[in-house]
């Protein structure tokens, strides 16, 4: 199988916050990998912009270091790195002032796709948008890319959207969630809507429940100041897990086009029931003999912010009425893994008797590590001695199915940035999606705050608080054991 690399039109990409952590770790190395793959046209130019006083040579040296450290060991032809660096330039700009904007404008070319990546704090979005229009850098065809967090609650999300919409049309705004750029997430849509096998069974009649898990082994690290004002609900559930929930539960769109897909995702969010308080488990990792706990990491000895959350949710529509969706995410857990598991119901009658045990089909979609899908099916265990049943996986691991080509699959940021240049918004969140997600999230947070609830402590490198296990056990179900 030959991979097809679809080139894009020549472009000028300006990265605000180009000296920051995200740009160094993800954006710039990702662009280099696309250059190595031949997807970046000859006419592509990348301009870094930040407060730091730096010239082109200094910026190129910084980018070369970033690629060496975070480029993933990608091997390219001799001279490729130098050719990529030649496309880079840098301008020092004052996001809230007048300095540097005319010089930045002079670097941009007419009749070329212009994209502006806001790899900065949301508090700067308005100032940047105003200056892009005021100094004539952006026109009606330009695109702006904004990173999460998209607000802290519904009110701030609306204000942020209003700020961006004062200067740009919704069709120009690309709210990036890197989970939607993962190959497996997009394959989820291909599996659902490109095969007759699954879609007839994708409903409450045949699905017992669905689990969505994003587990991290790391602590809050250097994000303690931000994280303690957000927590797992705002940092992960409201955006990443919500998007995965939408893709797993949405109706088939009429076409694979931006608004058709996003319309169906929005319907899922609006159909979500309010979550009952006894269907919520919040946790906070404790200290152990070797490392401090969450409160020490965030330097707040009285913090009541959750580093773990588990929820039982319901969607009130014809497809999913009565089928529970279990969501969980947390830091400092046993395993780093992200998975969506569609657990199908038992056969209505077992002809093999009670001794055959209980067996279920499970479709597991793995986002990390080792992206791929596994379908558990029941077969007879080989050998004599009667009809003994055993579950075996049909493994659709990308690495095994595609061989060396799996290594060439672009990471999320690579794919999404190229979609910006193409003008394809399918994998980006629309403003009304963001606001609907906050409208569902805010009452959950307000509820535990009004009740004065504090998170349950859990041991580092565990599966989270015991109460999260009980949440499932009460329903006669169990969380899936995740494998790294």
Protein backbone atom coordinates (compact mmCIF):
# COMPACT_ATOMS: atom_id res chain seq x y z
CA UNK A 1 0.00 0.00 0.00
CA UNK A 2 1.44 3.35 -1.07
CA UNK A 3 0.83 6.37 1.16
CA UNK A 4 -0.48 9.44 -0.65
CA UNK A 5 0.93 12.80 0.42
CA UNK A 6 -1.43 15.57 -0.66
CA UNK A 7 0.42 18.88 -1.05
CA UNK A 8 -1.03 22.17 0.09
CA UNK A 9 -0.96 25.63 -1.45
CA UNK A 10 1.91 28.01 -0.68
CA UNK A 11 1.34 29.73 2.65
CA UNK A 12 2.65 32.20 5.19
CA UNK A 13 2.23 30.82 8.72
CA UNK A 14 2.85 33.19 11.63
CA UNK A 15 3.29 31.53 15.01
CA UNK A 16 2.70 33.88 17.93
CA UNK A 17 4.44 32.55 21.02
CA UNK A 18 7.03 30.89 18.78
CA UNK A 19 9.61 30.67 21.58
CA UNK A 20 7.16 29.01 23.98
CA UNK A 21 6.96 25.40 25.09
CA UNK A 22 4.14 24.29 22.77
CA UNK A 23 5.80 25.73 19.69
CA UNK A 24 9.14 24.15 20.56
CA UNK A 25 7.75 20.73 21.47
CA UNK A 26 4.93 20.25 18.98
CA UNK A 27 4.29 22.90 16.35
CA UNK A 28 7.74 23.49 14.87
CA UNK A 29 8.93 19.84 14.97
CA UNK A 30 5.59 18.86 13.43
CA UNK A 31 6.05 21.30 10.58
CA UNK A 32 9.53 19.91 9.97
CA UNK A 33 8.13 16.37 9.72
CA UNK A 34 5.60 17.57 7.14
CA UNK A 35 8.45 19.18 5.24
CA UNK A 36 10.35 15.88 5.29
CA UNK A 37 7.27 14.12 3.92
CA UNK A 38 7.13 16.45 0.93
CA UNK A 39 3.83 18.01 1.95
CA UNK A 40 5.13 21.54 2.38
CA UNK A 41 5.29 23.40 -0.93
CA UNK A 42 8.24 25.42 -2.15
CA UNK A 43 6.32 28.62 -1.48
CA UNK A 44 5.72 27.93 2.23
CA UNK A 45 7.12 30.37 4.77
CA UNK A 46 6.99 30.27 8.59
CA UNK A 47 7.47 33.37 10.72
CA UNK A 48 7.97 33.18 14.46
CA UNK A 49 6.71 36.06 16.57
CA UNK A 50 7.19 36.66 20.28
CA UNK A 51 8.43 39.24 22.78
CA UNK A 52 12.02 37.94 22.80
CA UNK A 53 14.61 40.05 21.01
CA UNK A 54 15.95 37.64 18.39
CA UNK A 55 16.99 37.69 14.74
CA UNK A 56 16.36 35.11 12.02
CA UNK A 57 19.60 33.26 12.71
CA UNK A 58 18.85 33.00 16.43
CA UNK A 59 15.36 31.70 15.77
CA UNK A 60 16.61 29.11 13.29
CA UNK A 61 19.17 27.90 15.81
CA UNK A 62 16.43 27.55 18.44
CA UNK A 63 14.22 25.61 16.01
CA UNK A 64 17.10 23.31 15.07
CA UNK A 65 17.57 22.50 18.76
CA UNK A 66 13.84 21.86 19.16
CA UNK A 67 13.81 19.48 16.20
CA UNK A 68 16.82 17.61 17.56
CA UNK A 69 15.14 17.24 20.95
CA UNK A 70 11.47 16.76 20.02
CA UNK A 71 11.54 15.75 16.35
CA UNK A 72 10.98 12.08 17.10
CA UNK A 73 14.20 10.90 15.46
CA UNK A 74 12.77 11.35 11.97
CA UNK A 75 15.41 10.63 9.35
CA UNK A 76 15.36 12.84 6.29
CA UNK A 77 17.59 13.29 3.29
CA UNK A 78 20.84 15.17 3.76
CA UNK A 79 20.31 18.91 3.66
CA UNK A 80 16.60 18.72 4.50
CA UNK A 81 16.96 20.47 7.85
CA UNK A 82 18.91 23.34 6.30
CA UNK A 83 16.31 23.68 3.56
CA UNK A 84 13.54 23.81 6.16
CA UNK A 85 15.34 26.39 8.30
CA UNK A 86 15.76 28.66 5.27
CA UNK A 87 11.98 29.04 5.20
CA UNK A 88 11.92 30.43 8.74
CA UNK A 89 12.07 34.03 9.91
CA UNK A 90 11.42 35.91 13.12
CA UNK A 91 10.01 39.22 14.30
CA UNK A 92 9.81 40.54 17.84
CA UNK A 93 6.30 41.96 18.40
CA UNK A 94 4.47 43.58 21.25
CA UNK A 95 1.12 41.77 21.50
CA UNK A 96 -0.49 44.67 23.37
CA UNK A 97 1.44 47.53 21.80
CA UNK A 98 2.60 48.87 18.47
CA UNK A 99 6.11 47.46 18.24
CA UNK A 100 7.05 45.05 15.47
CA UNK A 101 3.75 44.90 13.61
CA UNK A 102 4.78 46.85 10.52
CA UNK A 103 7.95 44.75 10.21
CA UNK A 104 5.87 41.56 10.54
CA UNK A 105 3.46 42.80 7.87
CA UNK A 106 6.37 43.44 5.52
CA UNK A 107 7.31 39.74 5.69
CA UNK A 108 3.91 38.56 4.45
CA UNK A 109 3.24 38.10 0.76
CA UNK A 110 0.12 38.99 -1.23
CA UNK A 111 -2.00 36.30 -2.87
CA UNK A 112 -0.76 33.65 -0.43
CA UNK A 113 -2.69 31.70 2.20
CA UNK A 114 -2.14 33.44 5.54
CA UNK A 115 -2.57 31.61 8.83
CA UNK A 116 -1.91 32.94 12.32
CA UNK A 117 -1.32 30.47 15.15
CA UNK A 118 -2.08 31.90 18.62
CA UNK A 119 0.22 29.72 20.73
CA UNK A 120 -0.26 32.16 23.62
CA UNK A 121 -2.48 32.65 26.68
CA UNK A 122 -6.17 33.30 25.85
CA UNK A 123 -5.86 36.71 27.49
CA UNK A 124 -3.84 37.80 24.43
CA UNK A 125 -6.28 36.54 21.78
CA UNK A 126 -8.22 39.79 21.60
CA UNK A 127 -5.13 41.99 21.42
CA UNK A 128 -3.60 39.87 18.67
CA UNK A 129 -6.83 39.71 16.66
CA UNK A 130 -7.28 43.48 16.91
CA UNK A 131 -3.75 44.20 15.70
CA UNK A 132 -3.87 41.68 12.88
CA UNK A 133 -6.85 43.53 11.45
CA UNK A 134 -5.76 47.01 12.50
CA UNK A 135 -2.33 46.75 10.85
CA UNK A 136 -3.74 45.02 7.78
CA UNK A 137 -2.01 41.67 8.25
CA UNK A 138 -5.22 39.64 8.07
CA UNK A 139 -7.99 39.81 5.49
CA UNK A 140 -11.27 37.97 4.99
CA UNK A 141 -9.45 34.89 3.70
CA UNK A 142 -6.95 34.59 6.57
CA UNK A 143 -7.18 31.88 9.24
CA UNK A 144 -6.48 32.04 12.97
CA UNK A 145 -5.69 29.01 15.12
CA UNK A 146 -6.40 29.17 18.85
CA UNK A 147 -5.36 26.73 21.55
CA UNK A 148 -7.33 25.59 24.57
CA UNK A 149 -8.41 26.53 27.16
CA UNK A 150 -11.40 28.00 25.35
CA UNK A 151 -12.60 29.81 28.42
CA UNK A 152 -12.90 28.82 32.07
CA UNK A 153 -16.70 28.55 32.08
CA UNK A 154 -19.65 29.39 29.84
CA UNK A 155 -19.48 33.12 30.49
CA UNK A 156 -15.77 33.40 29.68
CA UNK A 157 -16.15 31.13 26.63
CA UNK A 158 -18.87 33.40 25.25
CA UNK A 159 -16.69 36.44 25.89
CA UNK A 160 -13.74 34.78 24.15
CA UNK A 161 -15.87 33.82 21.16
CA UNK A 162 -17.30 37.34 20.97
CA UNK A 163 -13.77 38.78 21.01
CA UNK A 164 -12.63 36.59 18.14
CA UNK A 165 -15.82 37.13 16.14
CA UNK A 166 -15.45 40.90 16.32
CA UNK A 167 -12.46 40.54 14.02
CA UNK A 168 -12.92 37.20 12.23
CA UNK A 169 -15.78 35.20 10.80
CA UNK A 170 -16.49 31.80 12.36
CA UNK A 171 -15.27 30.18 9.13
CA UNK A 172 -11.83 31.70 9.78
CA UNK A 173 -11.46 30.49 13.40
CA UNK A 174 -9.80 27.11 14.04
CA UNK A 175 -10.12 25.98 17.68
CA UNK A 176 -7.59 23.19 17.89
CA UNK A 177 -8.00 20.07 20.03
CA UNK A 178 -5.12 17.75 19.24
CA UNK A 179 -7.17 14.66 20.19
CA UNK A 180 -9.23 15.16 17.05
CA UNK A 181 -6.09 14.95 14.94
CA UNK A 182 -5.15 11.48 16.13
CA UNK A 183 -5.26 8.82 13.43
CA UNK A 184 -7.38 6.48 15.56
CA UNK A 185 -10.01 9.13 16.27
CA UNK A 186 -10.51 9.66 12.56
CA UNK A 187 -10.46 5.92 11.96
CA UNK A 188 -13.33 5.70 14.42
CA UNK A 189 -15.47 7.60 11.91
CA UNK A 190 -14.20 5.40 9.08
CA UNK A 191 -15.04 2.22 11.01
CA UNK A 192 -18.50 3.49 11.94
CA UNK A 193 -19.60 5.06 8.70
CA UNK A 194 -17.51 3.19 6.13
CA UNK A 195 -18.52 -0.35 7.13
CA UNK A 196 -21.90 -2.00 7.23
CA UNK A 197 -20.66 -4.31 9.99
CA UNK A 198 -20.91 -1.92 12.96
CA UNK A 199 -23.43 0.82 12.30
CA UNK A 200 -26.59 -1.37 12.58
CA UNK A 201 -25.37 -2.48 16.05
CA UNK A 202 -24.29 1.01 17.20
CA UNK A 203 -27.24 1.76 19.48
CA UNK A 204 -28.87 1.04 22.82
CA UNK A 205 -30.41 -2.20 21.59
CA UNK A 206 -27.02 -3.88 21.19
CA UNK A 207 -24.53 -1.79 23.23
CA UNK A 208 -24.45 -2.42 26.97
CA UNK A 209 -22.24 0.57 27.81
CA UNK A 210 -19.32 2.64 26.59
CA UNK A 211 -16.15 3.51 28.50
CA UNK A 212 -13.88 6.43 27.64
CA UNK A 213 -10.61 6.59 29.56
CA UNK A 214 -7.67 8.97 29.35
CA UNK A 215 -5.11 7.93 31.97
CA UNK A 216 -1.80 9.69 32.59
CA UNK A 217 1.16 8.57 34.68
CA UNK A 218 2.60 12.08 35.03
CA UNK A 219 1.79 14.57 37.77
CA UNK A 220 0.77 18.18 37.16
CA UNK A 221 4.43 19.08 36.64
CA UNK A 222 5.09 22.72 35.86
CA UNK A 223 1.40 23.40 35.17
CA UNK A 224 0.46 23.50 38.86
CA UNK A 225 -0.60 27.15 38.87
CA UNK A 226 -2.94 26.67 35.91
CA UNK A 227 -4.13 23.20 36.83
CA UNK A 228 -5.19 24.10 40.36
CA UNK A 229 -7.64 26.65 38.98
CA UNK A 230 -8.99 24.17 36.42
CA UNK A 231 -8.82 20.54 37.51
CA UNK A 232 -9.52 17.41 35.51
CA UNK A 233 -13.10 18.42 34.68
CA UNK A 234 -12.16 21.66 32.97
CA UNK A 235 -8.77 20.52 31.66
CA UNK A 236 -9.83 17.19 30.13
CA UNK A 237 -13.54 16.32 30.29
CA UNK A 238 -14.98 19.56 28.93
CA UNK A 239 -12.90 19.34 25.77
CA UNK A 240 -10.93 16.13 25.03
CA UNK A 241 -13.32 13.55 26.48
CA UNK A 242 -16.34 15.52 25.31
CA UNK A 243 -15.06 15.39 21.74
CA UNK A 244 -14.45 11.64 21.95
CA UNK A 245 -17.95 11.18 23.36
CA UNK A 246 -19.42 13.14 20.48
CA UNK A 247 -17.62 11.11 17.82
CA UNK A 248 -18.60 7.78 19.37
CA UNK A 249 -22.25 8.78 19.87
CA UNK A 250 -23.12 11.10 16.96
CA UNK A 251 -25.51 10.32 14.13
CA UNK A 252 -24.08 9.79 10.64
CA UNK A 253 -23.60 13.20 9.00
CA UNK A 254 -24.96 13.62 5.49
CA UNK A 255 -21.43 14.31 4.23
CA UNK A 256 -17.92 14.34 5.66
CA UNK A 257 -17.84 18.11 5.65
CA UNK A 258 -17.07 20.57 8.45
CA UNK A 259 -20.50 21.84 9.38
CA UNK A 260 -22.26 18.53 8.69
CA UNK A 261 -19.94 16.75 11.16
CA UNK A 262 -20.02 19.53 13.74
CA UNK A 263 -23.82 19.81 13.59
CA UNK A 264 -24.10 16.16 14.65
CA UNK A 265 -21.54 16.59 17.44
CA UNK A 266 -23.49 19.56 18.76
CA UNK A 267 -26.68 17.48 18.90
CA UNK A 268 -24.93 14.96 21.15
CA UNK A 269 -23.79 17.63 23.61
CA UNK A 270 -27.27 19.14 23.77
CA UNK A 271 -28.77 15.69 24.38
CA UNK A 272 -26.54 14.99 27.41
CA UNK A 273 -28.50 14.71 30.64
CA UNK A 274 -27.39 16.59 33.75
CA UNK A 275 -25.12 14.29 35.77
CA UNK A 276 -26.49 13.21 39.14
CA UNK A 277 -24.19 13.94 42.06
CA UNK A 278 -23.87 10.25 43.02
CA UNK A 279 -22.61 9.51 39.51
CA UNK A 280 -19.52 11.69 40.01
CA UNK A 281 -16.24 10.63 41.66
CA UNK A 282 -13.46 13.15 42.13
CA UNK A 283 -9.98 12.22 43.31
CA UNK A 284 -6.66 13.82 44.18
CA UNK A 285 -3.38 11.91 44.19
CA UNK A 286 -1.73 11.63 47.58
CA UNK A 287 1.92 11.60 48.56
CA UNK A 288 3.93 8.42 48.88
CA UNK A 289 7.33 7.51 50.28
CA UNK A 290 9.21 8.80 47.27
CA UNK A 291 7.23 11.75 45.92
CA UNK A 292 5.01 14.57 47.19
CA UNK A 293 1.29 14.63 46.52
CA UNK A 294 -0.89 16.92 44.46
CA UNK A 295 -1.16 19.69 47.06
CA UNK A 296 2.60 19.96 47.34
CA UNK A 297 2.95 20.07 43.56
CA UNK A 298 0.49 22.96 43.24
CA UNK A 299 1.79 24.60 46.47
CA UNK A 300 -1.70 24.79 47.92
CA UNK A 301 -2.07 22.75 51.14
CA UNK A 302 -5.86 23.16 51.17
CA UNK A 303 -6.55 22.56 47.50
CA UNK A 304 -9.87 20.88 46.68
CA UNK A 305 -9.11 20.59 42.96
CA UNK A 306 -9.48 17.16 41.41
CA UNK A 307 -6.64 15.44 39.56
CA UNK A 308 -9.00 12.53 38.76
CA UNK A 309 -12.64 12.37 37.80
CA UNK A 310 -15.05 9.61 36.82
CA UNK A 311 -18.58 10.23 35.55
CA UNK A 312 -21.58 8.20 34.55
CA UNK A 313 -23.44 10.01 31.78
CA UNK A 314 -26.58 9.45 29.72
CA UNK A 315 -27.62 10.76 26.31
CA UNK A 316 -31.36 11.29 25.90
CA UNK A 317 -32.04 10.46 22.28
CA UNK A 318 -33.47 7.51 20.38
CA UNK A 319 -30.12 5.91 19.64
CA UNK A 320 -28.69 5.90 23.17
CA UNK A 321 -31.54 6.11 25.65
CA UNK A 322 -30.69 3.84 28.60
CA UNK A 323 -27.07 3.19 27.60
CA UNK A 324 -24.57 4.59 30.14
CA UNK A 325 -21.35 6.29 29.11
CA UNK A 326 -18.59 6.06 31.71
CA UNK A 327 -15.84 8.67 31.49
CA UNK A 328 -12.65 8.78 33.56
CA UNK A 329 -9.40 10.67 33.43
CA UNK A 330 -6.65 11.37 35.90
CA UNK A 331 -3.02 12.04 36.58
CA UNK A 332 -0.46 9.96 38.43
CA UNK A 333 -2.23 6.73 37.52
CA UNK A 334 -0.89 3.22 36.97
CA UNK A 335 -0.77 3.34 33.20
CA UNK A 336 -0.54 5.89 30.41
CA UNK A 337 -3.32 4.91 28.07
CA UNK A 338 -6.30 6.36 26.25
CA UNK A 339 -9.10 4.09 25.13
CA UNK A 340 -12.69 4.07 23.97
CA UNK A 341 -14.37 0.72 24.65
CA UNK A 342 -17.73 -0.15 23.13
CA UNK A 343 -19.03 -3.05 25.22
CA UNK A 344 -21.79 -4.96 23.45
CA UNK A 345 -24.57 -6.81 25.25
CA UNK A 346 -24.58 -10.51 26.01
CA UNK A 347 -26.17 -12.88 23.54
CA UNK A 348 -29.88 -13.14 24.45
CA UNK A 349 -29.51 -16.85 25.17
CA UNK A 350 -26.45 -19.05 25.62
CA UNK A 351 -26.82 -22.49 24.09
CA UNK A 352 -23.60 -23.61 25.82
CA UNK A 353 -24.87 -23.53 29.40
CA UNK A 354 -23.66 -21.80 32.54
CA UNK A 355 -20.27 -23.51 32.49
CA UNK A 356 -19.35 -21.66 29.31
CA UNK A 357 -19.14 -18.43 31.31
CA UNK A 358 -20.02 -14.90 30.32
CA UNK A 359 -18.53 -13.57 27.09
CA UNK A 360 -18.97 -10.23 25.40
CA UNK A 361 -17.85 -8.56 22.22
CA UNK A 362 -15.84 -5.42 22.91
CA UNK A 363 -14.56 -2.96 20.34
CA UNK A 364 -11.55 -1.18 21.84
CA UNK A 365 -10.21 1.95 20.16
CA UNK A 366 -6.73 2.77 21.48
CA UNK A 367 -5.56 6.35 21.13
CA UNK A 368 -2.29 5.94 23.00
CA UNK A 369 0.05 4.23 23.12
CA UNK A 370 0.14 1.92 20.08
CA UNK A 371 -2.80 3.45 18.23
CA UNK A 372 -5.19 0.90 16.84
CA UNK A 373 -8.38 -1.07 17.36
CA UNK A 374 -9.18 -4.47 18.80
CA UNK A 375 -12.43 -6.42 18.49
CA UNK A 376 -12.89 -9.18 21.07
CA UNK A 377 -14.84 -12.13 19.70
CA UNK A 378 -15.78 -15.43 21.32
CA UNK A 379 -14.54 -18.72 19.89
CA UNK A 380 -14.12 -22.31 21.03
CA UNK A 381 -10.95 -22.95 22.96
CA UNK A 382 -8.85 -25.42 20.93
CA UNK A 383 -8.56 -28.97 22.18
CA UNK A 384 -10.76 -31.84 23.36
CA UNK A 385 -12.89 -31.90 26.48
CA UNK A 386 -16.10 -30.23 25.50
CA UNK A 387 -17.22 -26.79 24.36
CA UNK A 388 -15.07 -24.32 26.25
CA UNK A 389 -15.34 -20.71 25.11
CA UNK A 390 -12.62 -18.10 25.11
CA UNK A 391 -12.40 -14.47 23.99
CA UNK A 392 -9.73 -13.62 21.43
CA UNK A 393 -8.85 -10.23 19.93
CA UNK A 394 -9.00 -9.36 16.27
CA UNK A 395 -6.18 -6.81 16.36
CA UNK A 396 -6.21 -3.89 13.97
CA UNK A 397 -3.03 -2.32 15.28
CA UNK A 398 -1.69 0.24 12.81
CA UNK A 399 1.90 -0.85 13.36
CA UNK A 400 1.14 -4.45 12.38
CA UNK A 401 -1.44 -3.76 9.68
CA UNK A 402 0.45 -1.03 7.86
CA UNK A 403 4.02 -2.05 8.62
CA UNK A 404 6.64 0.66 8.08
CA UNK A 405 3.98 3.06 6.80
CA UNK A 406 2.50 3.26 10.31
CA UNK A 407 5.62 5.10 11.36
CA UNK A 408 4.92 7.73 8.71
CA UNK A 409 1.46 8.56 10.05
CA UNK A 410 1.57 12.26 10.98
CA UNK A 411 0.94 13.20 14.57
CA UNK A 412 -2.09 15.25 15.54
CA UNK A 413 -0.50 18.68 15.27
CA UNK A 414 0.99 17.93 11.87
CA UNK A 415 -2.35 16.88 10.46
CA UNK A 416 -4.34 19.72 11.99
CA UNK A 417 -1.96 22.48 10.90
CA UNK A 418 -2.10 21.21 7.33
CA UNK A 419 -5.91 21.17 7.56
CA UNK A 420 -5.77 24.85 8.54
CA UNK A 421 -3.80 25.62 5.40
CA UNK A 422 -6.32 23.66 3.34
CA UNK A 423 -9.19 25.54 4.95
CA UNK A 424 -10.75 22.33 6.28
CA UNK A 425 -12.51 22.88 9.65
CA UNK A 426 -13.91 19.35 10.05
CA UNK A 427 -11.57 18.42 12.93
CA UNK A 428 -11.86 21.76 14.72
CA UNK A 429 -14.45 22.85 17.25
CA UNK A 430 -17.06 25.41 16.36
CA UNK A 431 -17.94 28.18 18.78
CA UNK A 432 -21.41 26.85 19.58
CA UNK A 433 -19.88 23.43 20.36
CA UNK A 434 -17.58 25.00 22.92
CA UNK A 435 -20.39 26.95 24.53
CA UNK A 436 -22.70 23.92 24.66
CA UNK A 437 -19.96 21.87 26.34
CA UNK A 438 -19.51 24.55 29.01
CA UNK A 439 -23.28 24.80 29.48
CA UNK A 440 -23.26 21.09 30.43
CA UNK A 441 -20.05 21.30 32.48
CA UNK A 442 -20.76 24.38 34.60
CA UNK A 443 -23.69 22.92 36.62
CA UNK A 444 -21.63 19.83 37.48
CA UNK A 445 -18.83 21.97 38.91
CA UNK A 446 -21.27 24.32 40.65
CA UNK A 447 -22.97 21.30 42.22
CA UNK A 448 -19.92 19.89 43.99
CA UNK A 449 -18.83 23.38 45.00
CA UNK A 450 -22.21 24.11 46.61
CA UNK A 451 -22.10 20.77 48.45
CA UNK A 452 -18.60 21.50 49.72
CA UNK A 453 -17.29 18.19 48.42
CA UNK A 454 -13.58 17.44 48.49
CA UNK A 455 -11.77 14.95 46.22
CA UNK A 456 -11.06 11.44 47.47
CA UNK A 457 -7.33 10.74 47.97
CA UNK A 458 -5.81 7.96 45.86
CA UNK A 459 -2.45 6.27 45.80
CA UNK A 460 -0.03 7.31 43.07
CA UNK A 461 0.40 4.69 40.30
CA UNK A 462 -2.99 3.19 41.14
CA UNK A 463 -6.20 3.10 39.08
CA UNK A 464 -7.67 6.00 41.03
CA UNK A 465 -10.00 6.25 44.04
CA UNK A 466 -11.82 3.12 45.17
CA UNK A 467 -15.07 5.04 44.80
CA UNK A 468 -14.56 5.06 41.03
CA UNK A 469 -14.50 1.26 41.05
CA UNK A 470 -17.66 1.23 43.15
CA UNK A 471 -19.36 3.52 40.64
CA UNK A 472 -19.12 0.70 38.12
CA UNK A 473 -19.64 -2.19 40.54
CA UNK A 474 -23.02 -0.79 41.60
CA UNK A 475 -24.14 -1.30 38.01
CA UNK A 476 -22.68 -4.82 37.81
CA UNK A 477 -19.88 -3.60 35.55
CA UNK A 478 -16.12 -3.12 35.79
CA UNK A 479 -13.64 -0.67 34.35
CA UNK A 480 -11.45 -2.25 31.71
CA UNK A 481 -7.89 -2.93 32.74
CA UNK A 482 -5.69 -0.72 30.63
CA UNK A 483 -2.40 -1.94 29.23
CA UNK A 484 0.53 0.31 28.48
